[in-house]
Amino acid sequence: MAITKEKKSQILKDLEEKFSRAKAVYFAENKGLSVKNVTDLRHSLHEKGVDFVVAKKTLMKLAAKNTNLPDLSDEVLPGPIAAVIGYDDVVIPSKLVKDFGAKVEEKVILTGGILDGKVLSKAEAMQIASLPAKELLLAQLVGSMKAPISGFHGALHGLLGKFVRTLEAVRAQKA
């Protein structure tokens, strides 16, 4: 069924508004997904503050152009495509799509994206999707900052313990 010009105009305005607010936009090929799977994906993305928009490639290219984003190639936008738009975190959208794709037997595949005004290839989008979560990275940072202090504390504690045992041995020997 053909989409009217008014409907296309509304979809374009919606895409432009979302692209202009986005920190990261990833594109996912969604061949063969059932309505239930699409609904589940939309729900899991919505919980994390991420939008999932299915639209024609020409409208996505036009919305990117109108919001001063780089031109999108057919390599990034093959076949039936959806835009996964993240507003707060740049890793969560790609990670959720990658994980969901693995769950539904690779029917949702990242094909690329836009991050910091640069077009990402499929490989780059997949690399971002494989990054650890922000909380885990922060925990690793705190752990690496804490490690030298803990080591220093352990060394001082060991030296003081040796000193106390030596004094105790000297006291016991003189008694």
Protein backbone atom coordinates (compact mmCIF):
# COMPACT_ATOMS: atom_id res chain seq x y z
CA MET A 1 0.00 0.00 0.00
CA ALA A 2 1.41 3.39 -1.02
CA ILE A 3 2.09 6.03 1.58
CA THR A 4 0.59 9.47 0.97
CA LYS A 5 2.78 12.57 0.64
CA GLU A 6 1.38 13.93 3.91
CA LYS A 7 2.31 10.72 5.75
CA LYS A 8 5.83 10.76 4.22
CA SER A 9 6.18 14.40 5.23
CA GLN A 10 5.19 13.54 8.82
CA ILE A 11 7.61 10.59 8.95
CA LEU A 12 10.40 12.82 7.61
CA LYS A 13 9.72 15.51 10.24
CA ASP A 14 9.70 12.85 12.96
CA LEU A 15 13.00 11.38 11.74
CA GLU A 16 14.62 14.81 11.48
CA GLU A 17 13.57 15.66 15.04
CA LYS A 18 14.92 12.37 16.38
CA PHE A 19 18.17 12.53 14.37
CA SER A 20 18.81 16.09 15.59
CA ARG A 21 18.51 15.03 19.27
CA ALA A 22 20.41 11.74 18.89
CA LYS A 23 23.88 11.02 20.25
CA ALA A 24 24.06 7.88 18.12
CA VAL A 25 21.99 6.39 15.32
CA TYR A 26 22.44 2.76 14.33
CA PHE A 27 20.83 1.06 11.38
CA ALA A 28 19.58 -2.50 11.61
CA GLU A 29 18.40 -4.84 8.90
CA ASN A 30 15.24 -6.53 10.11
CA LYS A 31 14.36 -9.22 7.59
CA GLY A 32 11.88 -11.88 8.63
CA LEU A 33 10.94 -10.56 12.06
CA SER A 34 7.51 -11.43 13.34
CA VAL A 35 5.25 -8.73 14.76
CA LYS A 36 5.80 -10.19 18.24
CA ASN A 37 9.60 -9.96 17.85
CA VAL A 38 9.41 -6.35 16.63
CA THR A 39 7.13 -5.50 19.55
CA ASP A 40 9.51 -7.17 22.02
CA LEU A 41 12.48 -5.32 20.51
CA ARG A 42 10.68 -1.97 20.61
CA HIS A 43 9.68 -2.59 24.23
CA SER A 44 13.21 -3.51 25.35
CA LEU A 45 14.64 -0.48 23.54
CA HIS A 46 11.97 1.87 24.89
CA GLU A 47 12.79 0.80 28.47
CA LYS A 48 16.32 2.12 27.92
CA GLY A 49 15.18 5.37 26.29
CA VAL A 50 16.02 4.27 22.75
CA ASP A 51 13.74 4.72 19.72
CA PHE A 52 13.23 2.13 16.98
CA VAL A 53 11.93 3.62 13.73
CA VAL A 54 11.16 1.69 10.55
CA ALA A 55 11.03 3.91 7.48
CA LYS A 56 11.98 4.00 3.82
CA LYS A 57 15.69 4.36 3.06
CA THR A 58 15.08 7.50 1.01
CA LEU A 59 13.39 9.18 3.98
CA MET A 60 16.26 8.22 6.28
CA LYS A 61 18.82 9.56 3.82
CA LEU A 62 16.85 12.79 3.44
CA ALA A 63 16.42 13.18 7.22
CA ALA A 64 20.18 12.70 7.72
CA LYS A 65 20.93 15.26 5.02
CA ASN A 66 18.44 17.79 6.46
CA THR A 67 19.97 17.50 9.96
CA ASN A 68 23.54 18.03 8.69
CA LEU A 69 24.55 14.42 9.21
CA PRO A 70 26.81 12.72 6.66
CA ASP A 71 25.38 11.11 3.54
CA LEU A 72 24.34 7.50 4.04
CA SER A 73 25.43 4.89 1.52
CA ASP A 74 23.49 1.85 0.39
CA GLU A 75 26.09 -0.23 2.25
CA VAL A 76 24.82 1.21 5.54
CA LEU A 77 21.17 1.05 4.47
CA PRO A 78 20.58 -2.28 2.70
CA GLY A 79 17.17 -3.93 2.36
CA PRO A 80 14.41 -3.37 4.94
CA ILE A 81 15.99 -1.09 7.49
CA ALA A 82 15.24 0.41 10.88
CA ALA A 83 16.93 3.26 12.73
CA VAL A 84 17.83 2.63 16.35
CA ILE A 85 18.26 6.05 17.94
CA GLY A 86 20.06 6.58 21.26
CA TYR A 87 19.79 9.88 23.09
CA ASP A 88 21.84 9.31 26.26
CA ASP A 89 24.25 6.41 25.78
CA VAL A 90 26.01 5.56 22.52
CA VAL A 91 26.65 1.89 23.36
CA ILE A 92 23.29 0.69 24.70
CA PRO A 93 21.33 0.92 21.39
CA SER A 94 23.83 -1.15 19.44
CA LYS A 95 24.31 -3.63 22.27
CA LEU A 96 20.55 -4.21 22.65
CA VAL A 97 20.11 -4.76 18.90
CA LYS A 98 23.09 -7.12 18.73
CA ASP A 99 21.85 -9.13 21.73
CA PHE A 100 18.31 -9.25 20.36
CA GLY A 101 19.65 -10.38 16.96
CA ALA A 102 21.47 -13.25 18.65
CA LYS A 103 18.28 -14.18 20.49
CA VAL A 104 16.12 -14.33 17.35
CA GLU A 105 18.65 -16.19 15.19
CA GLU A 106 20.31 -13.22 13.47
CA LYS A 107 17.15 -11.74 11.99
CA VAL A 108 18.19 -8.29 13.24
CA ILE A 109 21.67 -7.30 12.12
CA LEU A 110 23.50 -4.01 12.62
CA THR A 111 24.50 -2.59 9.26
CA GLY A 112 26.17 0.64 10.35
CA GLY A 113 25.40 3.90 12.04
CA ILE A 114 26.25 7.51 12.71
CA LEU A 115 28.29 8.55 15.73
CA ASP A 116 29.82 11.99 16.34
CA GLY A 117 29.01 13.04 12.78
CA LYS A 118 30.86 10.09 11.28
CA VAL A 119 29.30 7.22 9.37
CA LEU A 120 30.11 3.85 10.93
CA SER A 121 30.60 0.69 8.93
CA LYS A 122 29.01 -2.60 9.95
CA ALA A 123 32.28 -3.72 11.59
CA GLU A 124 32.60 -0.48 13.58
CA ALA A 125 28.98 -0.69 14.76
CA MET A 126 29.55 -4.29 15.86
CA GLN A 127 32.72 -3.24 17.75
CA ILE A 128 30.75 -0.61 19.65
CA ALA A 129 28.06 -3.20 20.40
CA SER A 130 30.68 -5.49 21.96
CA LEU A 131 31.94 -2.84 24.40
CA PRO A 132 31.17 -3.47 28.07
CA ALA A 133 28.39 -1.52 29.76
CA LYS A 134 29.16 1.92 31.15
CA GLU A 135 28.76 0.73 34.75
CA LEU A 136 31.24 -2.10 34.19
CA LEU A 137 33.78 0.28 32.63
CA LEU A 138 33.42 2.65 35.59
CA ALA A 139 33.89 -0.25 38.02
CA GLN A 140 37.04 -1.31 36.17
CA LEU A 141 38.34 2.26 36.30
CA VAL A 142 37.73 2.53 40.04
CA GLY A 143 39.35 -0.87 40.58
CA SER A 144 42.45 0.12 38.65
CA MET A 145 42.66 3.41 40.56
CA LYS A 146 42.24 1.58 43.87
CA ALA A 147 44.81 -1.17 43.14
CA PRO A 148 47.98 0.87 43.88
CA ILE A 149 46.51 2.17 47.14
CA SER A 150 45.53 -1.35 48.21
CA GLY A 151 49.02 -2.62 47.33
CA PHE A 152 50.66 0.18 49.29
CA HIS A 153 48.39 -0.55 52.26
CA GLY A 154 49.26 -4.26 52.10
CA ALA A 155 53.01 -3.55 51.99
CA LEU A 156 52.85 -1.16 54.96
CA HIS A 157 50.68 -3.56 56.92
CA GLY A 158 53.16 -6.38 56.29
CA LEU A 159 56.15 -4.23 57.37
CA LEU A 160 54.42 -3.07 60.53
CA GLY A 161 53.41 -6.63 61.36
CA LYS A 162 57.01 -7.82 60.93
CA PHE A 163 58.26 -4.97 63.11
CA VAL A 164 55.78 -5.81 65.88
CA ARG A 165 56.67 -9.53 65.74
CA THR A 166 60.39 -8.67 65.89
CA LEU A 167 59.87 -6.45 68.94
CA GLU A 168 57.82 -9.21 70.56
CA ALA A 169 60.58 -11.74 69.87
CA VAL A 170 63.19 -9.40 71.39
CA ARG A 171 61.02 -8.84 74.47
CA ALA A 172 60.44 -12.58 74.88
CA GLN A 173 64.18 -13.29 74.52
CA LYS A 174 65.13 -10.74 77.22
CA ALA A 175 62.55 -11.99 79.67
